[in-house]
């Protein structure tokens, strides 16, 4: 299947979300298998979609951008199936930027509880990937009261982590990152003791972290 993809790619299904749904269905049906051997048409289409999603984001169409970012990013982040047969398709795209936009959409359009559940879904799908910007986006864009509620949900969930719940370890590191940003060594040490079975013995506390906290 040949798809002509340009920076002005025209939607074929009426809406961006429906177009992405069709792309995902085609990808799962093997349309873009061995994409790198056949002109990278699938990758070109993905890049065109991300440009269009960013346009929606810039227009503050947060619900549309949120839904489309999730569909496309979660397809590419999952590791069970390699629908386009790239060794690391995520590395070919600016995922830090996409995730920043996605979580801003969530913060703008979700309750704290919804945001937390979306965060958990993200942790489960990303597996071995690590994107530094996600925690910072949450720290710096949630209102103080909402951030306290979010942190409470994170710690409550972290208390249920089992040894083999590797994808959930990032909940603990989320809490540690926040303690670092607030330069709260007492809280940092408390977390290290509480989660000693999951935290590296020499987890560093950077007292020279000069990142400003938005609430100070």
Protein backbone atom coordinates (compact mmCIF):
# COMPACT_ATOMS: atom_id res chain seq x y z
CA UNK A 1 0.00 0.00 0.00
CA UNK A 2 1.43 3.33 -1.07
CA UNK A 3 0.37 6.43 0.81
CA UNK A 4 1.44 9.82 -0.46
CA UNK A 5 2.38 11.78 2.63
CA UNK A 6 3.28 15.46 2.62
CA UNK A 7 3.27 18.20 5.22
CA UNK A 8 -0.25 19.02 4.00
CA UNK A 9 -1.55 15.43 4.17
CA UNK A 10 -5.32 15.40 3.62
CA UNK A 11 -7.43 13.38 6.04
CA UNK A 12 -9.28 10.53 4.38
CA UNK A 13 -11.68 9.66 7.21
CA UNK A 14 -13.17 13.06 7.98
CA UNK A 15 -11.50 13.69 11.33
CA UNK A 16 -7.97 13.34 12.63
CA UNK A 17 -9.02 10.85 15.30
CA UNK A 18 -10.81 8.62 12.78
CA UNK A 19 -7.81 8.81 10.44
CA UNK A 20 -5.50 7.68 13.24
CA UNK A 21 -7.92 4.87 14.12
CA UNK A 22 -7.75 3.66 10.51
CA UNK A 23 -3.96 3.90 10.51
CA UNK A 24 -3.78 1.83 13.70
CA UNK A 25 -6.14 -0.77 12.24
CA UNK A 26 -4.05 -0.95 9.05
CA UNK A 27 -0.83 -1.22 11.05
CA UNK A 28 -2.23 -4.09 13.12
CA UNK A 29 -3.32 -5.79 9.90
CA UNK A 30 0.25 -5.70 8.59
CA UNK A 31 -0.09 -2.90 6.04
CA UNK A 32 3.13 -1.22 7.24
CA UNK A 33 5.21 -4.31 7.99
CA UNK A 34 8.85 -3.80 7.02
CA UNK A 35 8.10 -0.11 6.57
CA UNK A 36 11.80 0.80 6.39
CA UNK A 37 12.13 -1.36 3.25
CA UNK A 38 9.28 0.32 1.40
CA UNK A 39 9.90 4.05 1.45
CA UNK A 40 9.05 4.59 5.14
CA UNK A 41 5.49 5.51 4.20
CA UNK A 42 4.19 4.51 7.65
CA UNK A 43 6.79 6.63 9.44
CA UNK A 44 6.05 9.59 7.17
CA UNK A 45 2.36 9.25 7.95
CA UNK A 46 3.06 9.08 11.70
CA UNK A 47 5.11 12.29 11.48
CA UNK A 48 2.31 13.98 9.53
CA UNK A 49 -0.20 12.94 12.21
CA UNK A 50 1.98 14.30 15.00
CA UNK A 51 2.24 17.64 13.16
CA UNK A 52 -1.56 17.76 12.91
CA UNK A 53 -1.99 16.81 16.56
CA UNK A 54 0.39 19.60 17.54
CA UNK A 55 -1.75 22.02 15.51
CA UNK A 56 -4.77 20.91 17.56
CA UNK A 57 -2.75 21.40 20.74
CA UNK A 58 -1.74 24.92 19.71
CA UNK A 59 -5.40 25.72 19.05
CA UNK A 60 -6.10 24.54 22.62
CA UNK A 61 -8.27 21.69 21.30
CA UNK A 62 -7.07 19.70 24.29
CA UNK A 63 -9.62 16.88 24.15
CA UNK A 64 -8.86 16.12 20.50
CA UNK A 65 -5.10 16.42 20.96
CA UNK A 66 -5.24 14.28 24.11
CA UNK A 67 -7.12 11.45 22.41
CA UNK A 68 -4.93 11.48 19.30
CA UNK A 69 -1.64 11.69 21.18
CA UNK A 70 -2.66 8.73 23.33
CA UNK A 71 -3.75 6.54 20.41
CA UNK A 72 -0.60 7.10 18.40
CA UNK A 73 1.98 7.22 21.20
CA UNK A 74 0.65 4.18 23.03
CA UNK A 75 0.72 2.19 19.78
CA UNK A 76 4.39 3.07 19.30
CA UNK A 77 5.42 2.66 22.95
CA UNK A 78 3.98 -0.83 23.39
CA UNK A 79 6.57 -3.53 22.83
CA UNK A 80 4.46 -6.66 22.39
CA UNK A 81 4.10 -6.13 18.62
CA UNK A 82 6.42 -4.32 16.22
CA UNK A 83 3.91 -3.27 13.61
CA UNK A 84 6.37 -1.28 11.48
CA UNK A 85 9.44 -3.44 12.14
CA UNK A 86 11.77 -0.62 13.20
CA UNK A 87 14.38 -1.45 15.81
CA UNK A 88 13.39 1.68 17.78
CA UNK A 89 10.72 3.78 16.11
CA UNK A 90 10.30 5.85 19.30
CA UNK A 91 13.91 7.03 18.91
CA UNK A 92 13.07 8.43 15.48
CA UNK A 93 10.49 10.81 16.92
CA UNK A 94 10.47 13.68 19.43
CA UNK A 95 8.63 11.77 22.14
CA UNK A 96 9.69 14.11 24.94
CA UNK A 97 7.82 16.94 23.23
CA UNK A 98 4.79 14.76 22.42
CA UNK A 99 4.54 13.60 26.03
CA UNK A 100 4.90 17.13 27.37
CA UNK A 101 1.99 18.23 25.17
CA UNK A 102 -0.04 15.13 26.06
CA UNK A 103 0.27 15.65 29.80
CA UNK A 104 -0.50 19.35 29.48
CA UNK A 105 -3.69 18.31 27.63
CA UNK A 106 -4.53 15.97 30.50
CA UNK A 107 -3.88 18.65 33.12
CA UNK A 108 -6.06 21.11 31.20
CA UNK A 109 -8.94 18.69 30.62
CA UNK A 110 -8.93 16.11 33.47
CA UNK A 111 -9.69 15.85 37.14
CA UNK A 112 -6.78 14.87 39.38
CA UNK A 113 -8.15 11.32 39.57
CA UNK A 114 -8.40 11.03 35.77
CA UNK A 115 -4.89 12.42 35.38
CA UNK A 116 -3.59 9.85 37.85
CA UNK A 117 -5.23 6.95 35.99
CA UNK A 118 -3.81 8.21 32.69
CA UNK A 119 -0.38 8.46 34.34
CA UNK A 120 -0.66 4.82 35.48
CA UNK A 121 -1.62 3.74 31.94
CA UNK A 122 1.40 5.60 30.59
CA UNK A 123 3.75 3.88 33.08
CA UNK A 124 2.40 0.47 32.09
CA UNK A 125 2.78 0.99 28.35
CA UNK A 126 6.19 2.68 28.28
CA UNK A 127 7.96 -0.21 30.03
CA UNK A 128 11.74 0.32 29.66
CA UNK A 129 11.55 3.85 28.21
CA UNK A 130 12.22 6.81 30.47
CA UNK A 131 11.19 10.36 29.61
CA UNK A 132 12.52 12.90 32.06
CA UNK A 133 10.10 15.65 31.09
CA UNK A 134 6.90 13.92 32.25
CA UNK A 135 7.43 14.36 36.00
CA UNK A 136 8.54 17.97 35.51
CA UNK A 137 5.43 18.77 33.46
CA UNK A 138 3.21 17.49 36.26
CA UNK A 139 5.21 19.27 38.99
CA UNK A 140 5.18 22.62 37.20
CA UNK A 141 1.67 22.69 35.68
CA UNK A 142 -0.60 21.34 38.39
CA UNK A 143 -1.97 23.82 40.87
CA UNK A 144 -0.49 23.36 44.35
CA UNK A 145 -3.66 21.89 45.85
CA UNK A 146 -4.12 19.51 42.91
CA UNK A 147 -0.47 18.49 43.05
CA UNK A 148 -0.84 17.56 46.73
CA UNK A 149 -3.82 15.37 45.84
CA UNK A 150 -1.89 13.80 42.97
CA UNK A 151 1.11 13.06 45.20
CA UNK A 152 -1.23 11.47 47.73
CA UNK A 153 -2.65 9.17 45.04
CA UNK A 154 0.86 8.29 43.87
CA UNK A 155 2.05 7.36 47.35
CA UNK A 156 -1.11 5.38 48.09
CA UNK A 157 -0.58 3.37 44.90
CA UNK A 158 3.15 3.01 45.57
CA UNK A 159 2.38 1.31 48.87
CA UNK A 160 0.86 -1.60 46.91
CA UNK A 161 3.87 -2.22 44.66
CA UNK A 162 5.16 -5.78 44.60
CA UNK A 163 8.72 -6.82 43.73
CA UNK A 164 7.82 -7.82 40.17
CA UNK A 165 5.79 -4.66 39.45
CA UNK A 166 8.75 -3.11 37.65
CA UNK A 167 6.68 -0.64 35.63
CA UNK A 168 5.29 0.80 38.85
CA UNK A 169 8.68 1.54 40.41
CA UNK A 170 8.48 4.91 38.67
CA UNK A 171 5.80 5.92 41.16
CA UNK A 172 8.45 5.83 43.87
CA UNK A 173 10.93 7.74 41.74
CA UNK A 174 8.20 10.32 41.04
CA UNK A 175 7.98 10.96 44.78
CA UNK A 176 11.78 11.06 45.10
CA UNK A 177 12.04 13.52 42.20
CA UNK A 178 9.56 15.83 43.89
CA UNK A 179 11.49 15.70 47.18
CA UNK A 180 14.64 16.62 45.24
CA UNK A 181 12.98 19.55 43.53
CA UNK A 182 11.72 20.84 46.87
CA UNK A 183 15.21 20.22 48.33
CA UNK A 184 13.49 18.30 51.09
CA UNK A 185 16.14 15.82 52.22
CA UNK A 186 14.09 14.72 55.22
CA UNK A 187 11.24 13.65 52.94
CA UNK A 188 13.70 12.11 50.49
CA UNK A 189 15.30 10.01 53.25
CA UNK A 190 11.86 8.99 54.55
CA UNK A 191 10.91 7.69 51.12
CA UNK A 192 14.21 5.85 50.72
CA UNK A 193 13.63 4.07 54.03
CA UNK A 194 9.96 3.35 53.33
CA UNK A 195 10.71 1.92 49.88
CA UNK A 196 14.14 0.48 50.65
CA UNK A 197 13.29 -2.76 48.83
CA UNK A 198 12.72 -0.86 45.59
CA UNK A 199 15.20 2.02 45.73
CA UNK A 200 18.89 1.69 44.90
CA UNK A 201 21.00 1.84 48.07
CA UNK A 202 22.92 4.90 46.92
CA UNK A 203 20.07 6.85 45.34
CA UNK A 204 21.54 10.38 45.20
CA UNK A 205 20.03 13.47 46.74
CA UNK A 206 21.30 16.45 44.76
CA UNK A 207 21.44 19.33 47.22
CA UNK A 208 22.61 21.63 44.42
CA UNK A 209 19.49 21.09 42.35
CA UNK A 210 18.64 24.65 41.35
CA UNK A 211 15.39 23.88 39.55
CA UNK A 212 12.85 26.38 40.78
CA UNK A 213 9.62 25.18 42.27
CA UNK A 214 6.64 27.01 40.89
CA UNK A 215 5.00 27.19 44.30
CA UNK A 216 7.85 28.87 46.13
